[in-house]
Amino acid sequence: MTSRIIAFENGFAAEVLGVSLEKHIGADEFKIIRQAFLDHKVLIFRNQILDDEKHLKFASLFGELDVHINKSTRHKSLPKVQVFSNKNEKGQPSGSHPEKGTLVWHTDKSYTAQPSLTTILRSPEIARNGGDTLFADMERAYKALSVDMINQLQNLHAIHDWQRSREKSDERPATAEEIRAAPPVQHPIVRTHPETNKKSLYIGNHASHVVGMARDEGEALLQKLELHSTQPIFVYRHRWEVNDVLMWDNRCTLHCVEPYDAGIERRTVHRVVVKGD
């Protein structure tokens, strides 16, 4: 085996070298990748020539695959692949962002009872300016809270709500079908990772309000925690290159996309999600 793990600053995010995701990944090599995923939370694989089928095959190594609630971005023949692209039918920049909810801090599918374990993106087309993806280490952010705040958060739960999330990100309203498919759910604000047993904050744009608090008070608390967690000291910025494959642990990170000029730049990413706990 030639795979190597190159950790970034503070050990948050790492690049995996010597692995070709289009080829068969043996048990020993996958064990290295899986451990690196748990250790560093965000993994980068550069220069990976994948099609959608091979993308799905790699993602399926991590567990059962999921579909996105937003049917409009599903791949027409492979619905477990989601395509975010700002190109119109002529292949030109459309001028509109394909999903405004990606521009705000969130963790994927926290609005469901069984949120995502990991999201795996690949980048066949990148923006020249803007379009970076930012990640916040919610484990490190939790550890940096004051003792008083940590004590306050114990046993608190937030309601995560697809409909409210759409409103907050100024997206099209949730459809009646989507609301039925993803009714509001409750998750602890301090989540214990099921594999590492480490604690982290579990919040983001899908989190609507706090159970047992007045709505404005709960919203203020969630906003305060998000501002704390997304300070530069906790953030890794990923600058995309063509044919990057990027994956992250949704159980202990937040992420968002940096804005770009959707009327000038072309940006396309393909996305596959693995179900979690």
C-alpha atoms as a PDB file:
ATOM      1  CA  MET A   1       0.000   0.000   0.000  1.00  0.00           C
ATOM      2  CA  THR A   2       1.192   3.518  -0.804  1.00  0.00           C
ATOM      3  CA  SER A   3      -1.549   5.578   0.872  1.00  0.00           C
ATOM      4  CA  ARG A   4      -0.389   8.373   3.168  1.00  0.00           C
ATOM      5  CA  ILE A   5      -2.349  10.757   5.379  1.00  0.00           C
ATOM      6  CA  ILE A   6      -1.096  14.355   5.504  1.00  0.00           C
ATOM      7  CA  ALA A   7      -2.801  16.192   8.364  1.00  0.00           C
ATOM      8  CA  PHE A   8      -3.428  19.929   8.114  1.00  0.00           C
ATOM      9  CA  GLU A   9      -2.990  22.555  10.817  1.00  0.00           C
ATOM     10  CA  ASN A  10      -4.294  21.461  14.235  1.00  0.00           C
ATOM     11  CA  GLY A  11      -5.089  18.032  12.770  1.00  0.00           C
ATOM     12  CA  PHE A  12      -8.431  19.262  11.421  1.00  0.00           C
ATOM     13  CA  ALA A  13      -8.755  18.003   7.828  1.00  0.00           C
ATOM     14  CA  ALA A  14      -6.177  15.878   6.030  1.00  0.00           C
ATOM     15  CA  GLU A  15      -5.185  14.977   2.496  1.00  0.00           C
ATOM     16  CA  VAL A  16      -5.075  11.332   1.457  1.00  0.00           C
ATOM     17  CA  LEU A  17      -2.263  10.550  -0.969  1.00  0.00           C
ATOM     18  CA  GLY A  18      -1.598   7.442  -3.019  1.00  0.00           C
ATOM     19  CA  VAL A  19      -5.213   6.326  -3.368  1.00  0.00           C
ATOM     20  CA  SER A  20      -7.146   6.025  -6.630  1.00  0.00           C
ATOM     21  CA  LEU A  21     -10.853   5.984  -5.805  1.00  0.00           C
ATOM     22  CA  GLU A  22     -11.806   4.688  -9.255  1.00  0.00           C
ATOM     23  CA  LYS A  23     -10.057   1.394  -8.497  1.00  0.00           C
ATOM     24  CA  HIS A  24     -10.897  -1.333  -6.025  1.00  0.00           C
ATOM     25  CA  ILE A  25     -10.122  -0.329  -2.435  1.00  0.00           C
ATOM     26  CA  GLY A  26      -9.068  -3.296  -0.348  1.00  0.00           C
ATOM     27  CA  ALA A  27      -9.988  -3.879   3.277  1.00  0.00           C
ATOM     28  CA  ASP A  28      -6.618  -2.757   4.651  1.00  0.00           C
ATOM     29  CA  GLU A  29      -6.592   0.455   2.632  1.00  0.00           C
ATOM     30  CA  PHE A  30     -10.177   1.229   3.574  1.00  0.00           C
ATOM     31  CA  LYS A  31      -9.302   0.732   7.237  1.00  0.00           C
ATOM     32  CA  ILE A  32      -6.657   3.463   6.912  1.00  0.00           C
ATOM     33  CA  ILE A  33      -9.091   5.817   5.182  1.00  0.00           C
ATOM     34  CA  ARG A  34     -11.827   5.162   7.735  1.00  0.00           C
ATOM     35  CA  GLN A  35      -9.501   5.819  10.672  1.00  0.00           C
ATOM     36  CA  ALA A  36      -8.240   9.023   9.042  1.00  0.00           C
ATOM     37  CA  PHE A  37     -11.858  10.102   8.572  1.00  0.00           C
ATOM     38  CA  LEU A  38     -12.509   9.671  12.312  1.00  0.00           C
ATOM     39  CA  ASP A  39      -9.225  11.317  13.300  1.00  0.00           C
ATOM     40  CA  HIS A  40      -9.418  14.382  11.047  1.00  0.00           C
ATOM     41  CA  LYS A  41     -13.146  14.801  10.229  1.00  0.00           C
ATOM     42  CA  VAL A  42     -12.498  16.156   6.701  1.00  0.00           C
ATOM     43  CA  LEU A  43     -10.619  14.192   4.005  1.00  0.00           C
ATOM     44  CA  ILE A  44      -9.380  15.458   0.639  1.00  0.00           C
ATOM     45  CA  PHE A  45      -8.525  13.228  -2.334  1.00  0.00           C
ATOM     46  CA  ARG A  46      -6.978  15.191  -5.214  1.00  0.00           C
ATOM     47  CA  ASN A  47      -7.080  14.433  -8.950  1.00  0.00           C
ATOM     48  CA  GLN A  48      -9.693  11.676  -8.828  1.00  0.00           C
ATOM     49  CA  ILE A  49     -11.254  10.812 -12.196  1.00  0.00           C
ATOM     50  CA  LEU A  50     -14.632   9.442 -11.115  1.00  0.00           C
ATOM     51  CA  ASP A  51     -17.976   9.045 -12.806  1.00  0.00           C
ATOM     52  CA  ASP A  52     -21.238   8.912 -10.861  1.00  0.00           C
ATOM     53  CA  GLU A  53     -21.267   5.111 -10.615  1.00  0.00           C
ATOM     54  CA  LYS A  54     -17.760   4.988  -9.116  1.00  0.00           C
ATOM     55  CA  HIS A  55     -18.653   7.864  -6.826  1.00  0.00           C
ATOM     56  CA  LEU A  56     -21.586   5.831  -5.516  1.00  0.00           C
ATOM     57  CA  LYS A  57     -19.437   2.716  -5.167  1.00  0.00           C
ATOM     58  CA  PHE A  58     -16.868   4.518  -3.014  1.00  0.00           C
ATOM     59  CA  ALA A  59     -19.549   6.127  -0.831  1.00  0.00           C
ATOM     60  CA  SER A  60     -21.282   2.778  -0.279  1.00  0.00           C
ATOM     61  CA  LEU A  61     -18.169   1.517   1.529  1.00  0.00           C
ATOM     62  CA  PHE A  62     -19.194   3.755   4.441  1.00  0.00           C
ATOM     63  CA  GLY A  63     -22.779   2.545   4.735  1.00  0.00           C
ATOM     64  CA  GLU A  64     -26.282   2.861   3.358  1.00  0.00           C
ATOM     65  CA  LEU A  65     -26.752   5.673   0.864  1.00  0.00           C
ATOM     66  CA  ASP A  66     -29.443   8.312   1.199  1.00  0.00           C
ATOM     67  CA  VAL A  67     -31.386  10.575  -1.166  1.00  0.00           C
ATOM     68  CA  HIS A  68     -31.894  14.295  -0.780  1.00  0.00           C
ATOM     69  CA  ILE A  69     -35.317  15.644   0.081  1.00  0.00           C
ATOM     70  CA  ASN A  70     -34.981  18.222  -2.703  1.00  0.00           C
ATOM     71  CA  LYS A  71     -35.940  16.191  -5.763  1.00  0.00           C
ATOM     72  CA  SER A  72     -35.092  18.991  -8.198  1.00  0.00           C
ATOM     73  CA  THR A  73     -31.345  18.446  -7.731  1.00  0.00           C
ATOM     74  CA  ARG A  74     -31.377  14.639  -7.962  1.00  0.00           C
ATOM     75  CA  HIS A  75     -29.552  13.021 -10.875  1.00  0.00           C
ATOM     76  CA  LYS A  76     -32.219  11.910 -13.326  1.00  0.00           C
ATOM     77  CA  SER A  77     -31.039   8.301 -13.669  1.00  0.00           C
ATOM     78  CA  LEU A  78     -29.112   7.953 -10.381  1.00  0.00           C
ATOM     79  CA  PRO A  79     -31.299   9.601  -7.721  1.00  0.00           C
ATOM     80  CA  LYS A  80     -28.799   8.979  -4.917  1.00  0.00           C
ATOM     81  CA  VAL A  81     -26.462  11.402  -6.686  1.00  0.00           C
ATOM     82  CA  GLN A  82     -27.329  15.051  -6.229  1.00  0.00           C
ATOM     83  CA  VAL A  83     -26.036  17.610  -8.728  1.00  0.00           C
ATOM     84  CA  PHE A  84     -25.548  21.239  -7.724  1.00  0.00           C
ATOM     85  CA  SER A  85     -24.855  23.354 -10.791  1.00  0.00           C
ATOM     86  CA  ASN A  86     -25.502  26.963 -11.724  1.00  0.00           C
ATOM     87  CA  LYS A  87     -25.437  26.192 -15.458  1.00  0.00           C
ATOM     88  CA  ASN A  88     -28.528  26.531 -17.611  1.00  0.00           C
ATOM     89  CA  GLU A  89     -29.626  24.156 -20.403  1.00  0.00           C
ATOM     90  CA  LYS A  90     -27.122  25.821 -22.753  1.00  0.00           C
ATOM     91  CA  GLY A  91     -24.242  25.207 -20.351  1.00  0.00           C
ATOM     92  CA  GLN A  92     -23.934  28.900 -19.478  1.00  0.00           C
ATOM     93  CA  PRO A  93     -23.964  30.469 -15.986  1.00  0.00           C
ATOM     94  CA  SER A  94     -27.598  30.916 -15.005  1.00  0.00           C
ATOM     95  CA  GLY A  95     -27.063  33.832 -12.631  1.00  0.00           C
ATOM     96  CA  SER A  96     -28.676  32.027  -9.695  1.00  0.00           C
ATOM     97  CA  HIS A  97     -27.211  29.779  -7.035  1.00  0.00           C
ATOM     98  CA  PRO A  98     -28.554  26.194  -7.247  1.00  0.00           C
ATOM     99  CA  GLU A  99     -29.154  25.903  -3.473  1.00  0.00           C
ATOM    100  CA  LYS A 100     -28.916  28.947  -1.186  1.00  0.00           C
ATOM    101  CA  GLY A 101     -29.039  26.714   1.888  1.00  0.00           C
ATOM    102  CA  THR A 102     -25.466  25.634   1.159  1.00  0.00           C
ATOM    103  CA  LEU A 103     -24.286  29.232   1.645  1.00  0.00           C
ATOM    104  CA  VAL A 104     -25.056  29.193   5.382  1.00  0.00           C
ATOM    105  CA  TRP A 105     -23.523  27.055   8.125  1.00  0.00           C
ATOM    106  CA  HIS A 106     -25.243  23.687   8.463  1.00  0.00           C
ATOM    107  CA  THR A 107     -24.715  19.954   8.889  1.00  0.00           C
ATOM    108  CA  ASP A 108     -26.336  17.760   6.275  1.00  0.00           C
ATOM    109  CA  LYS A 109     -29.724  16.192   6.936  1.00  0.00           C
ATOM    110  CA  SER A 110     -29.901  17.155  10.625  1.00  0.00           C
ATOM    111  CA  TYR A 111     -33.583  17.848   9.893  1.00  0.00           C
ATOM    112  CA  THR A 112     -34.175  14.076   9.773  1.00  0.00           C
ATOM    113  CA  ALA A 113     -34.418  11.527  12.575  1.00  0.00           C
ATOM    114  CA  GLN A 114     -31.425   9.651  11.104  1.00  0.00           C
ATOM    115  CA  PRO A 115     -29.015  12.381   9.973  1.00  0.00           C
ATOM    116  CA  SER A 116     -26.039  11.921   7.691  1.00  0.00           C
ATOM    117  CA  LEU A 117     -22.814  10.170   8.633  1.00  0.00           C
ATOM    118  CA  THR A 118     -20.830  11.652   5.765  1.00  0.00           C
ATOM    119  CA  THR A 119     -21.238  13.642   2.591  1.00  0.00           C
ATOM    120  CA  ILE A 120     -18.900  12.971  -0.339  1.00  0.00           C
ATOM    121  CA  LEU A 121     -18.506  15.648  -3.019  1.00  0.00           C
ATOM    122  CA  ARG A 122     -16.568  15.700  -6.258  1.00  0.00           C
ATOM    123  CA  SER A 123     -15.828  18.771  -8.344  1.00  0.00           C
ATOM    124  CA  PRO A 124     -15.880  18.374 -12.132  1.00  0.00           C
ATOM    125  CA  GLU A 125     -16.181  22.154 -12.536  1.00  0.00           C
ATOM    126  CA  ILE A 126     -15.014  24.856 -10.096  1.00  0.00           C
ATOM    127  CA  ALA A 127     -15.406  28.608  -9.769  1.00  0.00           C
ATOM    128  CA  ARG A 128     -12.273  30.636 -10.434  1.00  0.00           C
ATOM    129  CA  ASN A 129     -13.246  33.150  -7.757  1.00  0.00           C
ATOM    130  CA  GLY A 130     -15.199  32.182  -4.658  1.00  0.00           C
ATOM    131  CA  GLY A 131     -16.936  28.860  -4.128  1.00  0.00           C
ATOM    132  CA  ASP A 132     -14.571  27.616  -1.399  1.00  0.00           C
ATOM    133  CA  THR A 133     -16.131  25.256   1.151  1.00  0.00           C
ATOM    134  CA  LEU A 134     -15.576  26.111   4.812  1.00  0.00           C
ATOM    135  CA  PHE A 135     -15.680  23.581   7.661  1.00  0.00           C
ATOM    136  CA  ALA A 136     -15.969  24.198  11.397  1.00  0.00           C
ATOM    137  CA  ASP A 137     -14.652  21.692  13.937  1.00  0.00           C
ATOM    138  CA  MET A 138     -17.537  21.404  16.370  1.00  0.00           C
ATOM    139  CA  GLU A 139     -15.627  19.140  18.747  1.00  0.00           C
ATOM    140  CA  ARG A 140     -12.902  21.736  19.234  1.00  0.00           C
ATOM    141  CA  ALA A 141     -15.529  24.498  19.457  1.00  0.00           C
ATOM    142  CA  TYR A 142     -17.322  22.605  22.227  1.00  0.00           C
ATOM    143  CA  LYS A 143     -14.117  22.144  24.204  1.00  0.00           C
ATOM    144  CA  ALA A 144     -13.441  25.890  24.005  1.00  0.00           C
ATOM    145  CA  LEU A 145     -16.755  26.875  25.624  1.00  0.00           C
ATOM    146  CA  SER A 146     -16.788  28.236  29.152  1.00  0.00           C
ATOM    147  CA  VAL A 147     -17.622  25.848  31.961  1.00  0.00           C
ATOM    148  CA  ASP A 148     -20.817  27.792  32.614  1.00  0.00           C
ATOM    149  CA  MET A 149     -21.928  27.452  28.993  1.00  0.00           C
ATOM    150  CA  ILE A 150     -21.112  23.749  28.905  1.00  0.00           C
ATOM    151  CA  ASN A 151     -23.205  23.244  32.032  1.00  0.00           C
ATOM    152  CA  GLN A 152     -26.065  25.266  30.519  1.00  0.00           C
ATOM    153  CA  LEU A 153     -26.115  23.123  27.396  1.00  0.00           C
ATOM    154  CA  GLN A 154     -26.287  19.756  29.094  1.00  0.00           C
ATOM    155  CA  ASN A 155     -29.641  18.089  28.377  1.00  0.00           C
ATOM    156  CA  LEU A 156     -30.759  20.885  26.022  1.00  0.00           C
ATOM    157  CA  HIS A 157     -32.287  19.850  22.696  1.00  0.00           C
ATOM    158  CA  ALA A 158     -32.936  21.790  19.499  1.00  0.00           C
ATOM    159  CA  ILE A 159     -35.674  21.306  16.945  1.00  0.00           C
ATOM    160  CA  HIS A 160     -34.278  20.833  13.431  1.00  0.00           C
ATOM    161  CA  ASP A 161     -36.782  21.773  10.745  1.00  0.00           C
ATOM    162  CA  TRP A 162     -36.437  21.647   6.941  1.00  0.00           C
ATOM    163  CA  GLN A 163     -39.283  24.119   6.460  1.00  0.00           C
ATOM    164  CA  ARG A 164     -37.802  26.702   8.839  1.00  0.00           C
ATOM    165  CA  SER A 165     -34.329  26.155   7.392  1.00  0.00           C
ATOM    166  CA  ARG A 166     -35.610  27.085   3.930  1.00  0.00           C
ATOM    167  CA  GLU A 167     -37.109  30.266   5.323  1.00  0.00           C
ATOM    168  CA  LYS A 168     -33.891  31.280   7.084  1.00  0.00           C
ATOM    169  CA  SER A 169     -31.762  30.771   3.963  1.00  0.00           C
ATOM    170  CA  ASP A 170     -34.221  32.720   1.758  1.00  0.00           C
ATOM    171  CA  GLU A 171     -34.843  29.683  -0.451  1.00  0.00           C
ATOM    172  CA  ARG A 172     -38.044  28.634  -2.148  1.00  0.00           C
ATOM    173  CA  PRO A 173     -40.597  27.466   0.439  1.00  0.00           C
ATOM    174  CA  ALA A 174     -40.656  23.805   1.393  1.00  0.00           C
ATOM    175  CA  THR A 175     -43.304  21.879  -0.509  1.00  0.00           C
ATOM    176  CA  ALA A 176     -46.124  20.021   1.239  1.00  0.00           C
ATOM    177  CA  GLU A 177     -44.505  16.747   0.120  1.00  0.00           C
ATOM    178  CA  GLU A 178     -41.159  17.752   1.655  1.00  0.00           C
ATOM    179  CA  ILE A 179     -42.792  18.781   4.931  1.00  0.00           C
ATOM    180  CA  ARG A 180     -44.526  15.406   5.154  1.00  0.00           C
ATOM    181  CA  ALA A 181     -41.280  13.595   4.338  1.00  0.00           C
ATOM    182  CA  ALA A 182     -39.210  15.578   6.854  1.00  0.00           C
ATOM    183  CA  PRO A 183     -41.294  16.765   9.815  1.00  0.00           C
ATOM    184  CA  PRO A 184     -39.440  18.635  12.599  1.00  0.00           C
ATOM    185  CA  VAL A 185     -37.149  16.458  14.728  1.00  0.00           C
ATOM    186  CA  GLN A 186     -35.339  16.898  18.016  1.00  0.00           C
ATOM    187  CA  HIS A 187     -31.592  16.442  18.569  1.00  0.00           C
ATOM    188  CA  PRO A 188     -29.321  17.181  21.547  1.00  0.00           C
ATOM    189  CA  ILE A 189     -27.315  20.394  21.225  1.00  0.00           C
ATOM    190  CA  VAL A 190     -24.313  18.534  22.632  1.00  0.00           C
ATOM    191  CA  ARG A 191     -23.921  15.329  20.662  1.00  0.00           C
ATOM    192  CA  THR A 192     -21.725  12.388  21.629  1.00  0.00           C
ATOM    193  CA  HIS A 193     -20.038  10.890  18.584  1.00  0.00           C
ATOM    194  CA  PRO A 194     -21.146   7.249  18.245  1.00  0.00           C
ATOM    195  CA  GLU A 195     -17.678   6.037  17.197  1.00  0.00           C
ATOM    196  CA  THR A 196     -15.148   8.289  18.961  1.00  0.00           C
ATOM    197  CA  ASN A 197     -17.323   8.961  22.033  1.00  0.00           C
ATOM    198  CA  LYS A 198     -16.230  12.628  21.908  1.00  0.00           C
ATOM    199  CA  LYS A 199     -18.659  15.498  22.441  1.00  0.00           C
ATOM    200  CA  SER A 200     -19.370  18.273  19.957  1.00  0.00           C
ATOM    201  CA  LEU A 201     -21.958  20.945  19.262  1.00  0.00           C
ATOM    202  CA  TYR A 202     -24.749  19.865  16.937  1.00  0.00           C
ATOM    203  CA  ILE A 203     -26.398  22.996  15.566  1.00  0.00           C
ATOM    204  CA  GLY A 204     -26.474  24.897  12.228  1.00  0.00           C
ATOM    205  CA  ASN A 205     -29.081  26.478   9.977  1.00  0.00           C
ATOM    206  CA  HIS A 206     -31.427  23.489  10.159  1.00  0.00           C
ATOM    207  CA  ALA A 207     -31.695  24.041  13.935  1.00  0.00           C
ATOM    208  CA  SER A 208     -34.812  26.138  14.435  1.00  0.00           C
ATOM    209  CA  HIS A 209     -35.198  26.708  18.179  1.00  0.00           C
ATOM    210  CA  VAL A 210     -34.489  25.187  21.590  1.00  0.00           C
ATOM    211  CA  VAL A 211     -36.935  22.895  23.358  1.00  0.00           C
ATOM    212  CA  GLY A 212     -38.264  24.459  26.577  1.00  0.00           C
ATOM    213  CA  MET A 213     -37.059  27.995  25.761  1.00  0.00           C
ATOM    214  CA  ALA A 214     -38.934  30.980  24.405  1.00  0.00           C
ATOM    215  CA  ARG A 215     -38.344  30.975  20.663  1.00  0.00           C
ATOM    216  CA  ASP A 216     -36.402  34.247  20.584  1.00  0.00           C
ATOM    217  CA  GLU A 217     -34.242  33.159  23.529  1.00  0.00           C
ATOM    218  CA  GLY A 218     -33.496  29.799  21.925  1.00  0.00           C
ATOM    219  CA  GLU A 219     -32.713  31.374  18.556  1.00  0.00           C
ATOM    220  CA  ALA A 220     -30.326  33.782  20.265  1.00  0.00           C
ATOM    221  CA  LEU A 221     -28.540  30.910  22.012  1.00  0.00           C
ATOM    222  CA  LEU A 222     -28.151  28.967  18.756  1.00  0.00           C
ATOM    223  CA  GLN A 223     -26.820  32.063  16.993  1.00  0.00           C
ATOM    224  CA  LYS A 224     -24.346  32.691  19.832  1.00  0.00           C
ATOM    225  CA  LEU A 225     -23.074  29.108  19.608  1.00  0.00           C
ATOM    226  CA  GLU A 226     -22.736  29.318  15.820  1.00  0.00           C
ATOM    227  CA  LEU A 227     -20.760  32.569  16.001  1.00  0.00           C
ATOM    228  CA  HIS A 228     -18.458  30.974  18.562  1.00  0.00           C
ATOM    229  CA  SER A 229     -18.004  27.785  16.543  1.00  0.00           C
ATOM    230  CA  THR A 230     -17.241  29.441  13.210  1.00  0.00           C
ATOM    231  CA  GLN A 231     -14.382  31.635  14.405  1.00  0.00           C
ATOM    232  CA  PRO A 232     -11.321  31.272  12.125  1.00  0.00           C
ATOM    233  CA  ILE A 233      -9.464  29.269  14.794  1.00  0.00           C
ATOM    234  CA  PHE A 234     -11.954  26.407  14.329  1.00  0.00           C
ATOM    235  CA  VAL A 235     -12.318  26.617  10.526  1.00  0.00           C
ATOM    236  CA  TYR A 236     -10.659  24.841   7.590  1.00  0.00           C
ATOM    237  CA  ARG A 237     -11.109  26.489   4.186  1.00  0.00           C
ATOM    238  CA  HIS A 238     -11.074  24.120   1.222  1.00  0.00           C
ATOM    239  CA  ARG A 239      -9.929  25.699  -2.035  1.00  0.00           C
ATOM    240  CA  TRP A 240     -11.275  23.455  -4.747  1.00  0.00           C
ATOM    241  CA  GLU A 241      -9.298  22.016  -7.611  1.00  0.00           C
ATOM    242  CA  VAL A 242     -10.874  20.225 -10.569  1.00  0.00           C
ATOM    243  CA  ASN A 243     -11.543  16.547  -9.773  1.00  0.00           C
ATOM    244  CA  ASP A 244     -11.200  16.890  -6.020  1.00  0.00           C
ATOM    245  CA  VAL A 245     -13.146  14.421  -3.907  1.00  0.00           C
ATOM    246  CA  LEU A 246     -13.997  15.810  -0.496  1.00  0.00           C
ATOM    247  CA  MET A 247     -15.723  14.048   2.391  1.00  0.00           C
ATOM    248  CA  TRP A 248     -16.558  15.079   5.936  1.00  0.00           C
ATOM    249  CA  ASP A 249     -18.125  13.813   9.143  1.00  0.00           C
ATOM    250  CA  ASN A 250     -21.520  15.489   9.512  1.00  0.00           C
ATOM    251  CA  ARG A 251     -21.768  14.338  13.118  1.00  0.00           C
ATOM    252  CA  CYS A 252     -19.099  16.752  14.365  1.00  0.00           C
ATOM    253  CA  THR A 253     -18.672  19.500  11.746  1.00  0.00           C
ATOM    254  CA  LEU A 254     -20.542  22.385  10.174  1.00  0.00           C
ATOM    255  CA  HIS A 255     -19.907  23.556   6.626  1.00  0.00           C
ATOM    256  CA  CYS A 256     -20.941  26.218   4.127  1.00  0.00           C
ATOM    257  CA  VAL A 257     -20.013  27.396   0.644  1.00  0.00           C
ATOM    258  CA  GLU A 258     -18.380  30.764   0.083  1.00  0.00           C
ATOM    259  CA  PRO A 259     -20.463  32.920  -2.310  1.00  0.00           C
ATOM    260  CA  TYR A 260     -19.414  33.244  -5.938  1.00  0.00           C
ATOM    261  CA  ASP A 261     -20.743  35.179  -8.920  1.00  0.00           C
ATOM    262  CA  ALA A 262     -23.276  32.736 -10.391  1.00  0.00           C
ATOM    263  CA  GLY A 263     -23.710  34.971 -13.434  1.00  0.00           C
ATOM    264  CA  ILE A 264     -20.058  34.656 -14.434  1.00  0.00           C
ATOM    265  CA  GLU A 265     -18.599  31.534 -12.856  1.00  0.00           C
ATOM    266  CA  ARG A 266     -19.520  27.939 -13.691  1.00  0.00           C
ATOM    267  CA  ARG A 267     -19.583  25.635 -10.677  1.00  0.00           C
ATOM    268  CA  THR A 268     -20.770  22.024 -10.552  1.00  0.00           C
ATOM    269  CA  VAL A 269     -20.455  19.513  -7.723  1.00  0.00           C
ATOM    270  CA  HIS A 270     -21.834  15.989  -7.459  1.00  0.00           C
ATOM    271  CA  ARG A 271     -22.925  14.899  -4.004  1.00  0.00           C
ATOM    272  CA  VAL A 272     -23.607  11.551  -2.336  1.00  0.00           C
ATOM    273  CA  VAL A 273     -24.765  11.188   1.274  1.00  0.00           C
ATOM    274  CA  VAL A 274     -24.337   8.211   3.601  1.00  0.00           C
ATOM    275  CA  LYS A 275     -26.947   7.642   6.310  1.00  0.00           C
ATOM    276  CA  GLY A 276     -25.828   7.961   9.902  1.00  0.00           C
ATOM    277  CA  ASP A 277     -27.160   7.124  13.336  1.00  0.00           C
END
